[in-house]
């Protein structure tokens, strides 16, 4: 058995949730916040059998898109903050960060 921890952008959350249900996967959704953009994310916890890991990864890959977004960098904590002029920069956001972890034991009461 494996535990998939998938951190995705909020914009993809409903689409992924519906796709996982359609394919017969159960998942727990947690609200989370990214450290770089300080924007909302959704973290899915998915417990599955070893032979279904690739199928779950395929569902995640098909429903979590990478997109470009303009962001304004956060001002520096130290240094001359009064002369800091933030300019928006384009970064890639979205997609999914997925961790696949072994599960030694699972119980459901």
Protein backbone atom coordinates (compact mmCIF):
# COMPACT_ATOMS: atom_id res chain seq x y z
CA UNK A 1 0.00 0.00 0.00
CA UNK A 2 1.11 3.57 -0.73
CA UNK A 3 0.18 7.06 0.42
CA UNK A 4 0.22 9.72 -2.26
CA UNK A 5 0.54 13.30 -1.06
CA UNK A 6 -0.30 15.61 -3.96
CA UNK A 7 0.11 19.37 -3.55
CA UNK A 8 -1.71 21.20 -6.32
CA UNK A 9 -2.90 24.70 -7.15
CA UNK A 10 -6.39 25.59 -5.88
CA UNK A 11 -7.56 26.23 -9.46
CA UNK A 12 -7.16 22.52 -10.24
CA UNK A 13 -8.70 21.23 -7.02
CA UNK A 14 -12.31 20.64 -8.10
CA UNK A 15 -11.33 19.15 -11.45
CA UNK A 16 -8.90 16.72 -9.79
CA UNK A 17 -11.36 15.81 -7.03
CA UNK A 18 -14.05 14.93 -9.59
CA UNK A 19 -11.61 12.94 -11.71
CA UNK A 20 -10.35 10.93 -8.71
CA UNK A 21 -13.92 10.08 -7.69
CA UNK A 22 -14.77 9.07 -11.26
CA UNK A 23 -11.78 6.68 -11.31
CA UNK A 24 -12.70 5.18 -7.93
CA UNK A 25 -10.04 6.82 -5.76
CA UNK A 26 -10.81 8.11 -2.29
CA UNK A 27 -8.96 11.21 -1.17
CA UNK A 28 -8.83 13.63 1.70
CA UNK A 29 -8.44 17.30 0.75
CA UNK A 30 -6.53 19.71 2.97
CA UNK A 31 -6.17 23.46 2.52
CA UNK A 32 -2.51 24.48 2.40
CA UNK A 33 -0.40 27.51 1.55
CA UNK A 34 2.69 27.54 -0.62
CA UNK A 35 5.86 29.08 0.76
CA UNK A 36 7.11 30.75 -2.43
CA UNK A 37 3.99 32.50 -3.76
CA UNK A 38 2.15 32.43 -0.43
CA UNK A 39 -0.93 31.41 -2.37
CA UNK A 40 -3.56 28.82 -1.58
CA UNK A 41 -2.92 25.21 -2.51
CA UNK A 42 -4.83 22.03 -1.97
CA UNK A 43 -3.11 18.93 -0.61
CA UNK A 44 -4.68 15.57 -1.43
CA UNK A 45 -3.96 12.49 0.70
CA UNK A 46 -4.66 9.35 -1.32
CA UNK A 47 -4.20 5.87 0.14
CA UNK A 48 -4.04 3.22 -2.60
CA UNK A 49 -2.79 -0.24 -3.41
CA UNK A 50 0.62 -0.51 -5.07
CA UNK A 51 -0.77 -1.64 -8.42
CA UNK A 52 -2.92 1.53 -8.78
CA UNK A 53 -0.18 4.11 -8.15
CA UNK A 54 0.52 4.76 -11.83
CA UNK A 55 -3.20 5.11 -12.59
CA UNK A 56 -3.55 7.72 -9.83
CA UNK A 57 -0.48 9.59 -11.07
CA UNK A 58 -1.97 9.63 -14.58
CA UNK A 59 -5.21 11.15 -13.24
CA UNK A 60 -3.27 13.81 -11.34
CA UNK A 61 -1.08 14.60 -14.37
CA UNK A 62 -4.12 14.93 -16.65
CA UNK A 63 -5.95 17.33 -14.33
CA UNK A 64 -3.26 19.61 -12.91
CA UNK A 65 -1.96 22.07 -15.47
CA UNK A 66 1.16 24.20 -15.40
CA UNK A 67 0.44 27.85 -16.23
CA UNK A 68 2.35 31.13 -16.32
CA UNK A 69 1.44 33.83 -13.80
CA UNK A 70 2.74 37.31 -13.01
CA UNK A 71 3.75 37.73 -9.37
CA UNK A 72 5.23 40.61 -7.43
CA UNK A 73 8.17 39.52 -5.28
CA UNK A 74 7.94 40.09 -1.53
CA UNK A 75 10.16 42.93 -0.27
CA UNK A 76 13.43 41.88 1.35
CA UNK A 77 13.45 41.48 5.13
CA UNK A 78 16.87 43.05 5.58
CA UNK A 79 18.71 45.71 3.65
CA UNK A 80 17.47 48.91 2.10
CA UNK A 81 13.74 48.23 1.86
CA UNK A 82 13.03 51.92 1.19
CA UNK A 83 14.77 51.71 -2.21
CA UNK A 84 13.17 48.36 -3.13
CA UNK A 85 10.83 48.66 -6.12
CA UNK A 86 9.07 45.37 -6.86
CA UNK A 87 8.52 44.51 -10.50
CA UNK A 88 6.18 41.69 -11.47
CA UNK A 89 7.94 38.61 -12.79
CA UNK A 90 6.46 35.73 -14.74
CA UNK A 91 6.73 32.32 -13.07
CA UNK A 92 5.32 28.89 -13.80
CA UNK A 93 2.68 27.77 -11.31
CA UNK A 94 0.38 24.82 -11.06
CA UNK A 95 1.08 21.26 -11.95
CA UNK A 96 1.50 18.95 -9.00
CA UNK A 97 4.13 17.96 -6.49
CA UNK A 98 3.43 14.33 -5.61
CA UNK A 99 5.13 12.29 -2.91
CA UNK A 100 4.69 8.50 -2.99
CA UNK A 101 5.28 6.96 0.42
CA UNK A 102 5.12 3.36 1.60
CA UNK A 103 2.44 2.52 4.16
CA UNK A 104 3.37 -0.11 6.70
CA UNK A 105 -0.13 -0.48 8.10
CA UNK A 106 -3.61 0.89 7.45
CA UNK A 107 -6.71 0.54 9.60
CA UNK A 108 -10.15 1.96 9.07
CA UNK A 109 -12.61 1.98 11.97
